[in-house]
């Protein structure tokens, strides 16, 4: 049995993640983690969702509990999705916000050129794997995943980028470092490919 926590910021839609977790053929206990971090010590794996969440609000959620959060995530595997990925880095152009400074890199906004590839970047895009990892097992290179975002990561340590996607420029869409797995796309909305991502995450052992 795996105890998985999903961070609940008090708004946004968690239903897509919960629904796909219920379809995975692994015994899971699902806990929602709010600002009091109740049940956090019970969990083995943590999912930080991103859809519909305000970046600054997410940052403040973790900043207010930063030391508690850092101490608790050391021995857990983490999946950060979209804004849940971006918050781990240095700073973001969204609201000119600082981030958690856990990894080196900045979050930049796409420039709207008024022709093609308008922002936000919404829809199916290819992800090209540039490194091998257990978390990418059974996935084909250049799989399509579902994106919905206006900001992208510029990492300062490129060796942790495992997937690239093009939207005007090539950006880091999969970033893996130590026990933390960060995705710019939404695996919970990516059908079969997303299902495989979650399945690999729950079988991942550090």
N, C-alpha and C. Protein backbone atom coordinates (compact mmCIF):
# COMPACT_ATOMS: atom_id res chain seq x y z
N UNK A 1 0.85 -1.20 0.00
CA UNK A 1 0.00 0.00 0.00
C UNK A 1 0.89 1.25 0.00
N UNK A 2 0.57 2.20 -0.88
CA UNK A 2 1.31 3.46 -0.97
C UNK A 2 0.40 4.58 -0.49
N UNK A 3 0.90 5.39 0.42
CA UNK A 3 0.17 6.56 0.90
C UNK A 3 0.61 7.77 0.08
N UNK A 4 -0.33 8.34 -0.66
CA UNK A 4 -0.01 9.48 -1.53
C UNK A 4 -0.77 10.71 -1.05
N UNK A 5 -0.06 11.81 -0.95
CA UNK A 5 -0.68 13.08 -0.59
C UNK A 5 -0.80 13.98 -1.80
N UNK A 6 -1.92 14.68 -1.90
CA UNK A 6 -2.13 15.69 -2.94
C UNK A 6 -2.30 17.02 -2.23
N UNK A 7 -1.47 17.99 -2.56
CA UNK A 7 -1.58 19.29 -1.90
C UNK A 7 -2.86 19.96 -2.35
N UNK A 8 -3.67 20.35 -1.38
CA UNK A 8 -4.94 21.01 -1.63
C UNK A 8 -4.81 22.47 -1.22
N UNK A 9 -4.76 23.36 -2.23
CA UNK A 9 -4.58 24.78 -1.96
C UNK A 9 -5.88 25.49 -1.62
N UNK A 10 -6.98 24.74 -1.58
CA UNK A 10 -8.26 25.33 -1.22
C UNK A 10 -9.07 25.79 -2.42
N UNK A 11 -8.49 25.70 -3.61
CA UNK A 11 -9.23 26.02 -4.83
C UNK A 11 -8.56 25.28 -5.97
N UNK A 12 -9.15 25.36 -7.14
CA UNK A 12 -8.63 24.59 -8.27
C UNK A 12 -9.30 23.23 -8.32
N UNK A 13 -9.07 22.52 -9.39
CA UNK A 13 -9.75 21.25 -9.62
C UNK A 13 -8.80 20.08 -9.40
N UNK A 14 -9.05 19.31 -8.35
CA UNK A 14 -8.23 18.13 -8.06
C UNK A 14 -8.86 16.86 -8.62
N UNK A 15 -10.08 16.97 -9.17
CA UNK A 15 -10.82 15.79 -9.57
C UNK A 15 -10.09 14.97 -10.63
N UNK A 16 -9.45 15.64 -11.60
CA UNK A 16 -8.77 14.92 -12.67
C UNK A 16 -7.66 14.04 -12.13
N UNK A 17 -6.90 14.55 -11.16
CA UNK A 17 -5.81 13.76 -10.57
C UNK A 17 -6.38 12.59 -9.77
N UNK A 18 -7.37 12.86 -8.95
CA UNK A 18 -7.96 11.80 -8.12
C UNK A 18 -8.57 10.71 -8.98
N UNK A 19 -9.24 11.09 -10.06
CA UNK A 19 -9.86 10.10 -10.94
C UNK A 19 -8.83 9.19 -11.59
N UNK A 20 -7.72 9.74 -12.07
CA UNK A 20 -6.72 8.90 -12.72
C UNK A 20 -6.02 8.01 -11.69
N UNK A 21 -5.84 8.49 -10.47
CA UNK A 21 -5.21 7.67 -9.44
C UNK A 21 -6.08 6.46 -9.09
N UNK A 22 -7.38 6.63 -9.15
CA UNK A 22 -8.28 5.54 -8.83
C UNK A 22 -8.26 4.44 -9.89
N UNK A 23 -7.75 4.76 -11.09
CA UNK A 23 -7.69 3.79 -12.18
C UNK A 23 -6.39 3.00 -12.20
N UNK A 24 -5.40 3.47 -11.45
CA UNK A 24 -4.10 2.80 -11.43
C UNK A 24 -4.19 1.52 -10.62
N UNK A 25 -3.62 0.46 -11.13
CA UNK A 25 -3.71 -0.85 -10.47
C UNK A 25 -2.63 -1.01 -9.41
N UNK A 26 -2.59 -0.04 -8.53
CA UNK A 26 -1.70 -0.05 -7.38
C UNK A 26 -2.54 0.36 -6.18
N UNK A 27 -2.36 -0.31 -5.06
CA UNK A 27 -3.12 0.04 -3.85
C UNK A 27 -2.63 1.37 -3.30
N UNK A 28 -3.54 2.35 -3.30
CA UNK A 28 -3.19 3.69 -2.85
C UNK A 28 -4.13 4.16 -1.76
N UNK A 29 -3.58 4.82 -0.76
CA UNK A 29 -4.38 5.64 0.16
C UNK A 29 -4.15 7.08 -0.23
N UNK A 30 -5.21 7.83 -0.49
CA UNK A 30 -5.08 9.21 -0.96
C UNK A 30 -5.43 10.16 0.19
N UNK A 31 -4.51 11.10 0.45
CA UNK A 31 -4.72 12.11 1.48
C UNK A 31 -4.62 13.50 0.84
N UNK A 32 -5.51 14.40 1.23
CA UNK A 32 -5.39 15.80 0.81
C UNK A 32 -4.60 16.54 1.88
N UNK A 33 -3.57 17.28 1.43
CA UNK A 33 -2.68 17.99 2.35
C UNK A 33 -2.99 19.48 2.28
N UNK A 34 -3.46 20.06 3.40
CA UNK A 34 -3.73 21.50 3.41
C UNK A 34 -2.69 22.22 4.25
N UNK A 35 -2.97 23.48 4.61
CA UNK A 35 -1.93 24.30 5.22
C UNK A 35 -1.51 23.82 6.61
N UNK A 36 -2.30 22.99 7.28
CA UNK A 36 -1.84 22.49 8.57
C UNK A 36 -0.98 21.24 8.44
N UNK A 37 -0.80 20.77 7.18
CA UNK A 37 0.06 19.62 6.88
C UNK A 37 -0.35 18.36 7.64
N UNK A 38 -1.63 18.29 7.99
CA UNK A 38 -2.15 17.10 8.65
C UNK A 38 -1.96 15.89 7.73
N UNK A 39 -1.58 14.78 8.28
CA UNK A 39 -1.35 13.52 7.56
C UNK A 39 -0.06 13.50 6.74
N UNK A 40 0.71 14.58 6.77
CA UNK A 40 1.89 14.65 5.92
C UNK A 40 2.90 13.56 6.27
N UNK A 41 3.07 13.28 7.56
CA UNK A 41 4.07 12.29 7.98
C UNK A 41 3.68 10.88 7.55
N UNK A 42 2.40 10.67 7.25
CA UNK A 42 1.94 9.34 6.85
C UNK A 42 2.31 9.00 5.41
N UNK A 43 2.51 10.03 4.58
CA UNK A 43 2.57 9.78 3.15
C UNK A 43 3.96 9.37 2.68
N UNK A 44 3.97 8.62 1.58
CA UNK A 44 5.22 8.17 0.94
C UNK A 44 5.55 9.05 -0.26
N UNK A 45 4.51 9.51 -0.94
CA UNK A 45 4.69 10.29 -2.16
C UNK A 45 3.76 11.49 -2.14
N UNK A 46 4.23 12.58 -2.75
CA UNK A 46 3.47 13.83 -2.73
C UNK A 46 3.29 14.35 -4.15
N UNK A 47 2.05 14.77 -4.46
CA UNK A 47 1.75 15.41 -5.74
C UNK A 47 1.40 16.86 -5.49
N UNK A 48 2.09 17.76 -6.21
CA UNK A 48 1.79 19.20 -6.13
C UNK A 48 1.15 19.60 -7.46
N UNK A 49 -0.16 19.78 -7.48
CA UNK A 49 -0.86 20.09 -8.75
C UNK A 49 -0.66 21.54 -9.15
N UNK A 50 -1.06 21.85 -10.38
CA UNK A 50 -0.82 23.21 -10.87
C UNK A 50 -1.98 23.87 -11.56
N UNK A 51 -2.95 23.14 -12.02
CA UNK A 51 -3.99 23.74 -12.85
C UNK A 51 -4.93 24.62 -12.03
N UNK A 52 -5.14 25.84 -12.52
CA UNK A 52 -6.08 26.74 -11.88
C UNK A 52 -5.55 27.43 -10.63
N UNK A 53 -4.26 27.27 -10.37
CA UNK A 53 -3.71 27.83 -9.14
C UNK A 53 -2.87 29.08 -9.44
N UNK A 54 -3.04 30.06 -8.59
CA UNK A 54 -2.28 31.30 -8.67
C UNK A 54 -0.87 31.07 -8.14
N UNK A 55 0.14 31.45 -8.93
CA UNK A 55 1.54 31.19 -8.56
C UNK A 55 1.88 31.79 -7.20
N UNK A 56 1.49 33.03 -6.99
CA UNK A 56 1.88 33.71 -5.76
C UNK A 56 1.24 33.05 -4.55
N UNK A 57 0.01 32.57 -4.72
CA UNK A 57 -0.67 31.90 -3.62
C UNK A 57 0.05 30.60 -3.27
N UNK A 58 0.45 29.84 -4.29
CA UNK A 58 1.17 28.59 -4.05
C UNK A 58 2.49 28.87 -3.34
N UNK A 59 3.20 29.90 -3.81
CA UNK A 59 4.48 30.25 -3.18
C UNK A 59 4.28 30.58 -1.71
N UNK A 60 3.26 31.38 -1.40
CA UNK A 60 3.01 31.76 -0.01
C UNK A 60 2.61 30.55 0.83
N UNK A 61 1.88 29.61 0.23
CA UNK A 61 1.50 28.38 0.93
C UNK A 61 2.75 27.67 1.45
N UNK A 62 3.74 27.53 0.58
CA UNK A 62 4.96 26.82 0.98
C UNK A 62 5.88 27.70 1.81
N UNK A 63 5.95 28.99 1.50
CA UNK A 63 6.83 29.88 2.25
C UNK A 63 6.43 29.92 3.72
N UNK A 64 5.13 29.95 3.98
CA UNK A 64 4.65 30.03 5.36
C UNK A 64 4.96 28.76 6.14
N UNK A 65 5.18 27.67 5.43
CA UNK A 65 5.48 26.39 6.07
C UNK A 65 6.83 25.85 5.57
N UNK A 66 7.73 26.74 5.19
CA UNK A 66 8.91 26.32 4.42
C UNK A 66 9.75 25.30 5.17
N UNK A 67 10.11 25.57 6.40
CA UNK A 67 11.00 24.66 7.14
C UNK A 67 10.32 23.32 7.37
N UNK A 68 9.03 23.36 7.68
CA UNK A 68 8.28 22.12 7.86
C UNK A 68 8.25 21.34 6.56
N UNK A 69 8.00 22.03 5.47
CA UNK A 69 7.93 21.40 4.15
C UNK A 69 9.27 20.77 3.78
N UNK A 70 10.36 21.49 3.93
CA UNK A 70 11.69 20.99 3.57
C UNK A 70 12.05 19.77 4.40
N UNK A 71 11.78 19.82 5.69
CA UNK A 71 12.12 18.69 6.56
C UNK A 71 11.31 17.45 6.20
N UNK A 72 10.09 17.63 5.73
CA UNK A 72 9.21 16.50 5.47
C UNK A 72 9.39 15.88 4.10
N UNK A 73 9.94 16.63 3.13
CA UNK A 73 10.03 16.08 1.77
C UNK A 73 11.32 15.31 1.51
N UNK A 74 12.24 15.33 2.45
CA UNK A 74 13.56 14.73 2.21
C UNK A 74 13.45 13.27 1.80
N UNK A 75 12.60 12.51 2.44
CA UNK A 75 12.52 11.08 2.17
C UNK A 75 11.28 10.68 1.38
N UNK A 76 10.66 11.64 0.71
CA UNK A 76 9.48 11.36 -0.09
C UNK A 76 9.78 11.65 -1.55
N UNK A 77 9.10 10.95 -2.44
CA UNK A 77 9.22 11.30 -3.86
C UNK A 77 8.10 12.27 -4.20
N UNK A 78 8.46 13.28 -4.98
CA UNK A 78 7.57 14.41 -5.24
C UNK A 78 7.28 14.50 -6.74
N UNK A 79 6.02 14.75 -7.07
CA UNK A 79 5.63 15.05 -8.45
C UNK A 79 5.03 16.45 -8.48
N UNK A 80 5.70 17.39 -9.17
CA UNK A 80 5.20 18.75 -9.31
C UNK A 80 4.71 18.97 -10.73
N UNK A 81 3.50 19.49 -10.87
CA UNK A 81 2.84 19.64 -12.17
C UNK A 81 2.60 21.12 -12.47
N UNK A 82 3.06 21.58 -13.63
CA UNK A 82 2.83 22.94 -14.13
C UNK A 82 3.34 23.97 -13.11
N UNK A 83 2.47 24.78 -12.49
CA UNK A 83 2.93 25.74 -11.49
C UNK A 83 3.54 25.00 -10.30
N UNK A 84 3.08 23.79 -10.05
CA UNK A 84 3.67 22.96 -9.00
C UNK A 84 5.10 22.56 -9.30
N UNK A 85 5.50 22.69 -10.56
CA UNK A 85 6.91 22.52 -10.96
C UNK A 85 7.66 23.84 -10.77
N UNK A 86 7.08 24.92 -11.25
CA UNK A 86 7.78 26.20 -11.33
C UNK A 86 8.17 26.77 -9.97
N UNK A 87 7.40 26.44 -8.95
CA UNK A 87 7.62 27.03 -7.64
C UNK A 87 8.92 26.58 -6.99
N UNK A 88 9.56 25.52 -7.50
CA UNK A 88 10.79 25.01 -6.91
C UNK A 88 12.03 25.85 -7.26
N UNK A 89 11.92 26.77 -8.21
CA UNK A 89 13.11 27.44 -8.73
C UNK A 89 13.32 28.81 -8.07
N UNK A 90 14.11 29.68 -8.69
CA UNK A 90 14.54 30.91 -8.02
C UNK A 90 13.47 32.00 -8.01
N UNK A 91 13.00 32.37 -9.18
CA UNK A 91 11.99 33.44 -9.24
C UNK A 91 11.19 33.32 -10.52
N UNK A 92 10.04 33.97 -10.53
CA UNK A 92 9.14 33.90 -11.67
C UNK A 92 8.73 35.30 -12.10
N UNK A 93 8.52 35.46 -13.40
CA UNK A 93 8.01 36.73 -13.91
C UNK A 93 6.53 36.90 -13.60
N UNK A 94 5.85 35.82 -13.20
CA UNK A 94 4.45 35.95 -12.82
C UNK A 94 4.38 36.68 -11.48
N UNK A 95 3.79 37.87 -11.50
CA UNK A 95 3.71 38.75 -10.32
C UNK A 95 5.09 39.13 -9.80
N UNK A 96 6.14 38.94 -10.65
CA UNK A 96 7.51 39.25 -10.24
C UNK A 96 7.81 38.59 -8.89
N UNK A 97 7.54 37.29 -8.81
CA UNK A 97 7.57 36.56 -7.55
C UNK A 97 8.89 35.85 -7.32
N UNK A 98 9.32 35.79 -6.08
CA UNK A 98 10.38 34.87 -5.69
C UNK A 98 9.78 33.48 -5.58
N UNK A 99 10.64 32.47 -5.71
CA UNK A 99 10.19 31.10 -5.54
C UNK A 99 10.92 30.47 -4.36
N UNK A 100 10.94 29.14 -4.31
CA UNK A 100 11.46 28.46 -3.13
C UNK A 100 12.99 28.31 -3.13
N UNK A 101 13.64 28.58 -4.27
CA UNK A 101 15.11 28.52 -4.38
C UNK A 101 15.66 27.13 -4.07
N UNK A 102 14.87 26.09 -4.33
CA UNK A 102 15.37 24.74 -4.11
C UNK A 102 16.21 24.26 -5.29
N UNK A 103 15.88 24.72 -6.49
CA UNK A 103 16.65 24.40 -7.68
C UNK A 103 17.01 25.70 -8.39
N UNK A 104 18.05 25.62 -9.23
CA UNK A 104 18.56 26.83 -9.87
C UNK A 104 17.90 27.03 -11.24
N UNK A 105 17.19 28.15 -11.36
CA UNK A 105 16.54 28.47 -12.63
C UNK A 105 15.48 29.53 -12.41
N UNK A 106 15.03 30.14 -13.50
CA UNK A 106 14.00 31.17 -13.43
C UNK A 106 12.82 30.81 -14.33
N UNK A 107 11.67 31.38 -14.02
CA UNK A 107 10.45 31.15 -14.79
C UNK A 107 10.15 32.41 -15.59
N UNK A 108 10.04 32.24 -16.90
CA UNK A 108 9.87 33.37 -17.81
C UNK A 108 8.57 33.24 -18.58
N UNK A 109 7.97 34.37 -18.95
CA UNK A 109 6.71 34.36 -19.71
C UNK A 109 6.98 34.29 -21.21
N UNK A 110 6.18 33.49 -21.91
CA UNK A 110 6.26 33.46 -23.36
C UNK A 110 5.90 34.85 -23.91
N UNK A 111 6.55 35.23 -24.99
CA UNK A 111 6.24 36.50 -25.65
C UNK A 111 5.21 36.24 -26.74
N UNK A 112 4.13 36.99 -26.75
CA UNK A 112 3.07 36.81 -27.74
C UNK A 112 3.47 37.54 -29.02
N UNK A 113 3.65 36.77 -30.12
CA UNK A 113 4.05 37.41 -31.38
C UNK A 113 2.86 37.72 -32.29
N UNK A 114 1.63 37.47 -31.81
CA UNK A 114 0.39 37.79 -32.51
C UNK A 114 0.19 37.03 -33.81
N UNK A 115 1.02 36.03 -34.09
CA UNK A 115 0.83 35.23 -35.29
C UNK A 115 0.44 33.82 -34.89
N UNK A 116 1.38 32.94 -34.77
CA UNK A 116 1.09 31.59 -34.33
C UNK A 116 1.62 31.38 -32.93
N UNK A 117 1.28 30.27 -32.34
CA UNK A 117 1.74 29.92 -30.99
C UNK A 117 1.39 31.01 -29.98
N UNK A 118 0.12 31.43 -29.98
CA UNK A 118 -0.32 32.45 -29.04
C UNK A 118 -0.19 31.94 -27.61
N UNK A 119 -0.15 32.87 -26.67
CA UNK A 119 -0.14 32.47 -25.27
C UNK A 119 -1.54 32.64 -24.69
N UNK A 120 -1.95 31.83 -23.74
CA UNK A 120 -1.17 30.73 -23.16
C UNK A 120 -0.97 29.59 -24.14
N UNK A 121 0.04 28.77 -23.86
CA UNK A 121 0.34 27.59 -24.66
C UNK A 121 -0.61 26.47 -24.20
N UNK A 122 -1.68 26.27 -24.96
CA UNK A 122 -2.71 25.30 -24.58
C UNK A 122 -2.83 24.26 -25.68
N UNK A 123 -2.87 22.98 -25.29
CA UNK A 123 -3.09 21.92 -26.25
C UNK A 123 -2.02 20.85 -26.19
N UNK A 124 -2.03 19.99 -27.19
CA UNK A 124 -1.14 18.84 -27.24
C UNK A 124 0.17 19.23 -27.91
N UNK A 125 1.27 18.92 -27.22
CA UNK A 125 2.61 19.21 -27.74
C UNK A 125 3.50 17.99 -27.54
N UNK A 126 4.47 17.85 -28.42
CA UNK A 126 5.42 16.74 -28.29
C UNK A 126 6.45 17.02 -27.21
N UNK A 127 6.80 15.98 -26.50
CA UNK A 127 7.89 16.05 -25.52
C UNK A 127 8.98 15.11 -25.99
N UNK A 128 10.16 15.66 -26.23
CA UNK A 128 11.30 14.88 -26.73
C UNK A 128 12.21 14.54 -25.55
N UNK A 129 12.38 13.25 -25.28
CA UNK A 129 13.23 12.83 -24.18
C UNK A 129 14.70 12.94 -24.61
N UNK A 130 15.49 13.58 -23.76
CA UNK A 130 16.91 13.75 -24.09
C UNK A 130 17.81 12.95 -23.15
N UNK A 131 17.23 12.37 -22.11
CA UNK A 131 17.95 11.49 -21.20
C UNK A 131 17.03 10.35 -20.79
N UNK A 132 17.61 9.22 -20.43
CA UNK A 132 16.83 8.09 -19.96
C UNK A 132 16.60 8.19 -18.46
N UNK A 133 15.45 7.68 -18.03
CA UNK A 133 15.14 7.65 -16.60
C UNK A 133 14.04 6.63 -16.38
N UNK A 134 14.03 6.01 -15.21
CA UNK A 134 12.97 5.07 -14.86
C UNK A 134 11.59 5.69 -15.02
N UNK A 135 11.45 6.96 -14.70
CA UNK A 135 10.16 7.63 -14.75
C UNK A 135 9.60 7.75 -16.16
N UNK A 136 10.45 7.51 -17.17
CA UNK A 136 10.02 7.60 -18.57
C UNK A 136 9.88 6.22 -19.20
N UNK A 137 9.95 5.17 -18.40
CA UNK A 137 9.81 3.81 -18.92
C UNK A 137 8.47 3.62 -19.64
N UNK A 138 8.52 2.86 -20.74
CA UNK A 138 7.34 2.49 -21.52
C UNK A 138 6.72 3.65 -22.30
N UNK A 139 7.39 4.79 -22.27
CA UNK A 139 6.94 5.94 -23.06
C UNK A 139 7.83 6.08 -24.29
N UNK A 140 7.23 6.42 -25.40
CA UNK A 140 8.00 6.62 -26.63
C UNK A 140 8.50 8.05 -26.71
N UNK A 141 9.68 8.20 -27.27
CA UNK A 141 10.19 9.55 -27.48
C UNK A 141 9.26 10.31 -28.41
N UNK A 142 9.08 11.59 -28.16
CA UNK A 142 8.20 12.49 -28.92
C UNK A 142 6.73 12.18 -28.69
N UNK A 143 6.38 11.66 -27.51
CA UNK A 143 4.98 11.52 -27.13
C UNK A 143 4.32 12.89 -27.03
N UNK A 144 3.01 12.93 -27.26
CA UNK A 144 2.23 14.15 -27.05
C UNK A 144 1.66 14.19 -25.64
N UNK A 145 1.76 15.35 -25.01
CA UNK A 145 1.17 15.56 -23.70
C UNK A 145 0.38 16.87 -23.72
N UNK A 146 -0.52 17.01 -22.76
CA UNK A 146 -1.40 18.18 -22.75
C UNK A 146 -0.79 19.30 -21.90
N UNK A 147 -0.67 20.49 -22.50
CA UNK A 147 -0.10 21.66 -21.84
C UNK A 147 -1.16 22.75 -21.67
N UNK A 148 -0.99 23.55 -20.65
CA UNK A 148 -1.80 24.74 -20.45
C UNK A 148 -1.02 25.70 -19.54
N UNK A 149 -0.25 26.60 -20.18
CA UNK A 149 0.62 27.48 -19.37
C UNK A 149 1.07 28.67 -20.20
N UNK A 150 1.48 29.72 -19.50
CA UNK A 150 2.01 30.94 -20.13
C UNK A 150 3.46 31.20 -19.76
N UNK A 151 3.99 30.41 -18.82
CA UNK A 151 5.35 30.61 -18.31
C UNK A 151 6.13 29.31 -18.46
N UNK A 152 7.44 29.44 -18.63
CA UNK A 152 8.27 28.25 -18.84
C UNK A 152 9.57 28.39 -18.05
N UNK A 153 10.22 27.27 -17.83
CA UNK A 153 11.44 27.22 -17.04
C UNK A 153 12.68 27.46 -17.89
N UNK A 154 13.56 28.33 -17.38
CA UNK A 154 14.94 28.44 -17.88
C UNK A 154 15.84 27.87 -16.79
N UNK A 155 16.26 26.61 -16.91
CA UNK A 155 17.08 26.01 -15.85
C UNK A 155 18.53 26.47 -15.96
N UNK A 156 19.20 26.56 -14.82
CA UNK A 156 20.62 26.90 -14.81
C UNK A 156 21.49 25.65 -14.76
N UNK A 157 20.86 24.49 -14.56
CA UNK A 157 21.57 23.22 -14.54
C UNK A 157 20.87 22.30 -15.55
N UNK A 158 21.34 22.33 -16.78
CA UNK A 158 20.64 21.65 -17.87
C UNK A 158 20.71 20.13 -17.78
N UNK A 159 21.63 19.59 -17.00
CA UNK A 159 21.76 18.13 -16.93
C UNK A 159 20.59 17.46 -16.23
N UNK A 160 19.70 18.26 -15.60
CA UNK A 160 18.53 17.69 -14.96
C UNK A 160 17.28 17.78 -15.85
N UNK A 161 17.44 18.34 -17.03
CA UNK A 161 16.33 18.36 -17.99
C UNK A 161 16.29 17.02 -18.73
N UNK A 162 15.15 16.35 -18.68
CA UNK A 162 14.99 15.05 -19.32
C UNK A 162 14.03 15.11 -20.50
N UNK A 163 13.30 16.21 -20.65
CA UNK A 163 12.38 16.35 -21.78
C UNK A 163 12.33 17.79 -22.25
N UNK A 164 12.26 17.97 -23.57
CA UNK A 164 12.16 19.30 -24.18
C UNK A 164 10.89 19.39 -25.03
N UNK A 165 10.32 20.59 -25.06
CA UNK A 165 9.13 20.86 -25.87
C UNK A 165 9.32 22.19 -26.58
N UNK A 166 8.77 22.31 -27.78
CA UNK A 166 8.93 23.54 -28.56
C UNK A 166 7.64 24.33 -28.61
N UNK A 167 7.72 25.60 -28.24
CA UNK A 167 6.64 26.57 -28.43
C UNK A 167 7.33 27.92 -28.65
N UNK A 168 7.60 28.24 -29.92
CA UNK A 168 8.51 29.31 -30.33
C UNK A 168 9.95 28.94 -30.02
N UNK A 169 10.22 28.58 -28.78
CA UNK A 169 11.55 28.16 -28.35
C UNK A 169 11.43 26.76 -27.75
N UNK A 170 12.55 26.10 -27.58
CA UNK A 170 12.56 24.82 -26.87
C UNK A 170 12.71 25.12 -25.37
N UNK A 171 11.86 24.50 -24.57
CA UNK A 171 11.94 24.73 -23.13
C UNK A 171 11.94 23.39 -22.39
N UNK A 172 12.38 23.43 -21.16
CA UNK A 172 12.48 22.24 -20.33
C UNK A 172 11.09 21.86 -19.83
N UNK A 173 10.57 20.73 -20.33
CA UNK A 173 9.22 20.31 -19.92
C UNK A 173 9.24 19.15 -18.93
N UNK A 174 10.40 18.48 -18.79
CA UNK A 174 10.57 17.45 -17.76
C UNK A 174 11.90 17.72 -17.05
N UNK A 175 11.85 17.87 -15.75
CA UNK A 175 13.04 18.17 -14.94
C UNK A 175 13.04 17.21 -13.77
N UNK A 176 14.11 16.43 -13.61
CA UNK A 176 14.19 15.44 -12.54
C UNK A 176 15.50 15.64 -11.78
N UNK A 177 15.37 15.85 -10.48
CA UNK A 177 16.57 15.99 -9.66
C UNK A 177 16.32 15.33 -8.31
N UNK A 178 17.21 14.39 -7.96
CA UNK A 178 17.12 13.67 -6.69
C UNK A 178 15.75 12.98 -6.58
N UNK A 179 14.97 13.34 -5.61
CA UNK A 179 13.68 12.68 -5.38
C UNK A 179 12.50 13.49 -5.93
N UNK A 180 12.78 14.45 -6.80
CA UNK A 180 11.73 15.37 -7.26
C UNK A 180 11.58 15.30 -8.78
N UNK A 181 10.36 15.10 -9.22
CA UNK A 181 9.98 14.87 -10.62
C UNK A 181 9.05 16.01 -11.02
N UNK A 182 9.49 16.88 -11.93
CA UNK A 182 8.76 18.09 -12.26
C UNK A 182 8.35 18.10 -13.73
N UNK A 183 7.07 18.36 -13.97
CA UNK A 183 6.50 18.32 -15.32
C UNK A 183 5.81 19.64 -15.64
N UNK A 184 6.07 20.18 -16.84
CA UNK A 184 5.35 21.38 -17.24
C UNK A 184 3.96 21.05 -17.78
N UNK A 185 3.79 19.86 -18.32
CA UNK A 185 2.48 19.45 -18.86
C UNK A 185 1.63 18.82 -17.77
N UNK A 186 0.40 18.46 -18.15
CA UNK A 186 -0.56 17.89 -17.21
C UNK A 186 -0.75 16.41 -17.51
N UNK A 187 -0.09 15.52 -16.75
CA UNK A 187 -0.26 14.09 -17.02
C UNK A 187 -1.69 13.62 -16.75
N UNK A 188 -2.39 14.30 -15.83
CA UNK A 188 -3.76 13.89 -15.51
C UNK A 188 -4.73 14.16 -16.65
N UNK A 189 -4.29 14.94 -17.65
CA UNK A 189 -5.13 15.22 -18.82
C UNK A 189 -4.51 14.66 -20.10
N UNK A 190 -3.50 13.81 -19.95
CA UNK A 190 -2.76 13.31 -21.11
C UNK A 190 -3.06 11.84 -21.44
N UNK A 191 -4.19 11.36 -20.96
CA UNK A 191 -4.70 10.03 -21.30
C UNK A 191 -3.65 8.93 -21.07
N UNK A 192 -3.43 8.07 -22.05
CA UNK A 192 -2.58 6.90 -21.86
C UNK A 192 -1.17 7.28 -21.43
N UNK A 193 -0.59 8.31 -22.06
CA UNK A 193 0.77 8.71 -21.71
C UNK A 193 0.84 9.21 -20.26
N UNK A 194 -0.17 9.96 -19.87
CA UNK A 194 -0.21 10.46 -18.50
C UNK A 194 -0.39 9.34 -17.50
N UNK A 195 -1.20 8.36 -17.86
CA UNK A 195 -1.39 7.19 -17.00
C UNK A 195 -0.05 6.49 -16.75
N UNK A 196 0.75 6.34 -17.82
CA UNK A 196 2.06 5.70 -17.67
C UNK A 196 3.00 6.52 -16.79
N UNK A 197 2.92 7.85 -16.90
CA UNK A 197 3.72 8.72 -16.04
C UNK A 197 3.39 8.47 -14.57
N UNK A 198 2.10 8.46 -14.24
CA UNK A 198 1.70 8.23 -12.86
C UNK A 198 2.10 6.83 -12.39
N UNK A 199 1.93 5.85 -13.25
CA UNK A 199 2.29 4.48 -12.89
C UNK A 199 3.78 4.37 -12.57
N UNK A 200 4.62 5.01 -13.41
CA UNK A 200 6.07 5.01 -13.14
C UNK A 200 6.39 5.73 -11.84
N UNK A 201 5.71 6.83 -11.60
CA UNK A 201 5.94 7.61 -10.37
C UNK A 201 5.66 6.77 -9.13
N UNK A 202 4.58 6.00 -9.15
CA UNK A 202 4.23 5.22 -7.97
C UNK A 202 5.13 3.99 -7.81
N UNK A 203 5.79 3.58 -8.87
CA UNK A 203 6.73 2.47 -8.78
C UNK A 203 8.17 2.94 -8.58
N UNK A 204 8.36 4.24 -8.55
CA UNK A 204 9.71 4.82 -8.45
C UNK A 204 10.22 4.71 -7.03
N UNK A 205 11.40 4.15 -6.88
CA UNK A 205 12.04 4.05 -5.57
C UNK A 205 13.40 4.73 -5.63
N UNK A 206 13.68 5.54 -4.64
CA UNK A 206 14.95 6.28 -4.58
C UNK A 206 15.99 5.43 -3.85
